[in-house]
Amino acid sequence: SITVLLEEEFQKIADLKVCQVNFSSDATHLVLPYQTKSVLLRIVQEFLQNSIKYAKCKNIVGLLSQNEQTITLTIADDGIGFDVTKKSDGIGLSNIKKRTAIIGGTSTLKRTAQGTHR
């Protein structure tokens, strides 16, 4: 299931001991096509790598939730962030947007006082 795949990905980061990670999901019975699962996994991998490599974060949190019509994947870190109005999209952010579009989704990036959320 996508929940198990994402839990495993977050655990890989936890095993590195470079920051604290927490993943939770209320999508226990979510059945997704292979392509959708693959794209979501790649998005999470991209975010986790960017957070470790660039954000200098201490914590990364992920949440997968669902309602009757949509699934929502929220990932946040408490790193240094960047000004989303001035920085042009890098390859990683561009990949996340393209991958999200492939599965008919939308991607939002915002900076808060606590870090960057994607």
C-alpha atoms as a PDB file:
ATOM      1  CA  SER A   1       0.000   0.000   0.000  1.00  0.00           C
ATOM      2  CA  ILE A   2       1.058   3.606  -0.426  1.00  0.00           C
ATOM      3  CA  THR A   3       1.007   4.075   3.337  1.00  0.00           C
ATOM      4  CA  VAL A   4       3.541   1.281   3.835  1.00  0.00           C
ATOM      5  CA  LEU A   5       5.748   2.597   1.017  1.00  0.00           C
ATOM      6  CA  LEU A   6       5.810   6.087   2.518  1.00  0.00           C
ATOM      7  CA  GLU A   7       6.408   4.771   6.040  1.00  0.00           C
ATOM      8  CA  GLU A   8       9.414   2.846   4.716  1.00  0.00           C
ATOM      9  CA  GLU A   9      10.772   5.947   2.970  1.00  0.00           C
ATOM     10  CA  PHE A  10      10.489   8.030   6.123  1.00  0.00           C
ATOM     11  CA  GLN A  11      12.131   5.218   8.092  1.00  0.00           C
ATOM     12  CA  LYS A  12      15.119   5.278   5.732  1.00  0.00           C
ATOM     13  CA  ILE A  13      15.639   8.929   6.633  1.00  0.00           C
ATOM     14  CA  ALA A  14      15.175   8.193  10.328  1.00  0.00           C
ATOM     15  CA  ASP A  15      17.856   5.518  10.057  1.00  0.00           C
ATOM     16  CA  LEU A  16      20.321   8.123   8.749  1.00  0.00           C
ATOM     17  CA  LYS A  17      19.905  10.022  12.028  1.00  0.00           C
ATOM     18  CA  VAL A  18      20.345  13.396  10.345  1.00  0.00           C
ATOM     19  CA  CYS A  19      16.969  14.682  11.542  1.00  0.00           C
ATOM     20  CA  GLN A  20      13.784  13.558  13.248  1.00  0.00           C
ATOM     21  CA  VAL A  21      10.992  12.306  11.010  1.00  0.00           C
ATOM     22  CA  ASN A  22       7.372  11.551  11.609  1.00  0.00           C
ATOM     23  CA  PHE A  23       4.894  10.112   9.138  1.00  0.00           C
ATOM     24  CA  SER A  24       1.244   9.398   9.760  1.00  0.00           C
ATOM     25  CA  SER A  25      -1.717   8.424   7.645  1.00  0.00           C
ATOM     26  CA  ASP A  26      -5.435   8.016   8.011  1.00  0.00           C
ATOM     27  CA  ALA A  27      -5.572   6.414   4.565  1.00  0.00           C
ATOM     28  CA  THR A  28      -5.545   2.843   5.836  1.00  0.00           C
ATOM     29  CA  HIS A  29      -7.699   1.358   3.081  1.00  0.00           C
ATOM     30  CA  LEU A  30      -6.555   3.535   0.212  1.00  0.00           C
ATOM     31  CA  VAL A  31      -6.224   1.600  -3.039  1.00  0.00           C
ATOM     32  CA  LEU A  32      -4.300   3.443  -5.746  1.00  0.00           C
ATOM     33  CA  PRO A  33      -3.112   2.534  -9.233  1.00  0.00           C
ATOM     34  CA  TYR A  34       0.563   1.604  -9.555  1.00  0.00           C
ATOM     35  CA  GLN A  35       1.418   4.835 -11.403  1.00  0.00           C
ATOM     36  CA  THR A  36      -0.130   7.006  -8.688  1.00  0.00           C
ATOM     37  CA  LYS A  37       1.730   5.166  -5.931  1.00  0.00           C
ATOM     38  CA  SER A  38       4.972   5.426  -7.866  1.00  0.00           C
ATOM     39  CA  VAL A  39       4.551   9.170  -8.447  1.00  0.00           C
ATOM     40  CA  LEU A  40       3.681   9.859  -4.798  1.00  0.00           C
ATOM     41  CA  LEU A  41       6.715   7.867  -3.673  1.00  0.00           C
ATOM     42  CA  ARG A  42       9.002   9.840  -6.022  1.00  0.00           C
ATOM     43  CA  ILE A  43       7.574  13.139  -4.771  1.00  0.00           C
ATOM     44  CA  VAL A  44       8.273  12.146  -1.167  1.00  0.00           C
ATOM     45  CA  GLN A  45      11.788  11.015  -2.040  1.00  0.00           C
ATOM     46  CA  GLU A  46      12.480  14.340  -3.784  1.00  0.00           C
ATOM     47  CA  PHE A  47      11.192  16.355  -0.837  1.00  0.00           C
ATOM     48  CA  LEU A  48      13.104  14.325   1.733  1.00  0.00           C
ATOM     49  CA  GLN A  49      16.352  14.623  -0.203  1.00  0.00           C
ATOM     50  CA  ASN A  50      15.882  18.388  -0.688  1.00  0.00           C
ATOM     51  CA  SER A  51      15.104  18.856   3.003  1.00  0.00           C
ATOM     52  CA  ILE A  52      18.235  17.007   4.068  1.00  0.00           C
ATOM     53  CA  LYS A  53      20.519  18.498   1.422  1.00  0.00           C
ATOM     54  CA  TYR A  54      19.425  22.150   1.400  1.00  0.00           C
ATOM     55  CA  ALA A  55      17.080  22.998   4.270  1.00  0.00           C
ATOM     56  CA  LYS A  56      19.314  22.043   7.189  1.00  0.00           C
ATOM     57  CA  CYS A  57      16.171  20.934   8.963  1.00  0.00           C
ATOM     58  CA  LYS A  58      15.871  19.183  12.297  1.00  0.00           C
ATOM     59  CA  ASN A  59      12.383  17.760  11.696  1.00  0.00           C
ATOM     60  CA  ILE A  60      10.389  16.463   8.747  1.00  0.00           C
ATOM     61  CA  VAL A  61       6.718  15.599   9.057  1.00  0.00           C
ATOM     62  CA  GLY A  62       4.537  13.804   6.528  1.00  0.00           C
ATOM     63  CA  LEU A  63       0.800  13.217   6.500  1.00  0.00           C
ATOM     64  CA  LEU A  64      -1.269  11.255   4.011  1.00  0.00           C
ATOM     65  CA  SER A  65      -4.989  11.774   4.392  1.00  0.00           C
ATOM     66  CA  GLN A  66      -8.078  11.024   2.386  1.00  0.00           C
ATOM     67  CA  ASN A  67     -11.695  11.932   2.186  1.00  0.00           C
ATOM     68  CA  GLU A  68     -14.364  10.675  -0.186  1.00  0.00           C
ATOM     69  CA  GLN A  69     -13.049  12.639  -3.174  1.00  0.00           C
ATOM     70  CA  THR A  70      -9.381  13.450  -2.661  1.00  0.00           C
ATOM     71  CA  ILE A  71      -6.149  12.334  -1.132  1.00  0.00           C
ATOM     72  CA  THR A  72      -3.780  14.885   0.342  1.00  0.00           C
ATOM     73  CA  LEU A  73      -0.069  14.431   0.906  1.00  0.00           C
ATOM     74  CA  THR A  74       1.445  17.096   3.139  1.00  0.00           C
ATOM     75  CA  ILE A  75       5.157  17.186   3.847  1.00  0.00           C
ATOM     76  CA  ALA A  76       6.843  19.864   5.951  1.00  0.00           C
ATOM     77  CA  ASP A  77      10.262  20.598   7.336  1.00  0.00           C
ATOM     78  CA  ASP A  78      11.541  23.166   9.817  1.00  0.00           C
ATOM     79  CA  GLY A  79      14.578  24.090   7.766  1.00  0.00           C
ATOM     80  CA  ILE A  80      15.905  27.459   6.671  1.00  0.00           C
ATOM     81  CA  GLY A  81      13.526  27.638   3.704  1.00  0.00           C
ATOM     82  CA  PHE A  82      13.719  30.168   0.925  1.00  0.00           C
ATOM     83  CA  ASP A  83      11.671  33.030  -0.439  1.00  0.00           C
ATOM     84  CA  VAL A  84       9.201  31.239  -2.718  1.00  0.00           C
ATOM     85  CA  THR A  85       8.350  34.545  -4.462  1.00  0.00           C
ATOM     86  CA  LYS A  86      11.950  35.187  -5.534  1.00  0.00           C
ATOM     87  CA  LYS A  87      13.509  31.785  -6.066  1.00  0.00           C
ATOM     88  CA  SER A  88      12.991  30.203  -9.450  1.00  0.00           C
ATOM     89  CA  ASP A  89      11.935  26.593  -9.493  1.00  0.00           C
ATOM     90  CA  GLY A  90      14.861  24.244  -9.283  1.00  0.00           C
ATOM     91  CA  ILE A  91      14.882  20.854 -10.905  1.00  0.00           C
ATOM     92  CA  GLY A  92      13.525  19.195  -7.763  1.00  0.00           C
ATOM     93  CA  LEU A  93      10.566  21.555  -7.418  1.00  0.00           C
ATOM     94  CA  SER A  94       9.896  21.340 -11.130  1.00  0.00           C
ATOM     95  CA  ASN A  95       9.900  17.536 -10.925  1.00  0.00           C
ATOM     96  CA  ILE A  96       7.433  17.611  -8.044  1.00  0.00           C
ATOM     97  CA  LYS A  97       5.052  19.856 -10.010  1.00  0.00           C
ATOM     98  CA  LYS A  98       5.324  17.734 -13.161  1.00  0.00           C
ATOM     99  CA  ARG A  99       4.826  14.477 -11.299  1.00  0.00           C
ATOM    100  CA  THR A 100       1.814  15.833  -9.467  1.00  0.00           C
ATOM    101  CA  ALA A 101       0.267  16.924 -12.758  1.00  0.00           C
ATOM    102  CA  ILE A 102       0.822  13.452 -14.248  1.00  0.00           C
ATOM    103  CA  ILE A 103      -1.597  11.981 -11.727  1.00  0.00           C
ATOM    104  CA  GLY A 104      -4.081  14.846 -12.037  1.00  0.00           C
ATOM    105  CA  GLY A 105      -3.121  16.537  -8.798  1.00  0.00           C
ATOM    106  CA  THR A 106      -2.024  19.974  -7.721  1.00  0.00           C
ATOM    107  CA  SER A 107       1.108  20.988  -5.875  1.00  0.00           C
ATOM    108  CA  THR A 108       1.402  23.883  -3.452  1.00  0.00           C
ATOM    109  CA  LEU A 109       4.602  25.213  -1.942  1.00  0.00           C
ATOM    110  CA  LYS A 110       4.523  27.681   0.895  1.00  0.00           C
ATOM    111  CA  ARG A 111       6.907  29.045   3.445  1.00  0.00           C
ATOM    112  CA  THR A 112       5.829  29.527   7.023  1.00  0.00           C
ATOM    113  CA  ALA A 113       7.582  30.580  10.186  1.00  0.00           C
ATOM    114  CA  GLN A 114       8.120  26.860  10.894  1.00  0.00           C
ATOM    115  CA  GLY A 115       9.708  25.988   7.530  1.00  0.00           C
ATOM    116  CA  THR A 116       8.746  25.046   4.030  1.00  0.00           C
ATOM    117  CA  HIS A 117       5.652  22.997   3.230  1.00  0.00           C
ATOM    118  CA  ARG A 118       5.016  21.138  -0.012  1.00  0.00           C
END
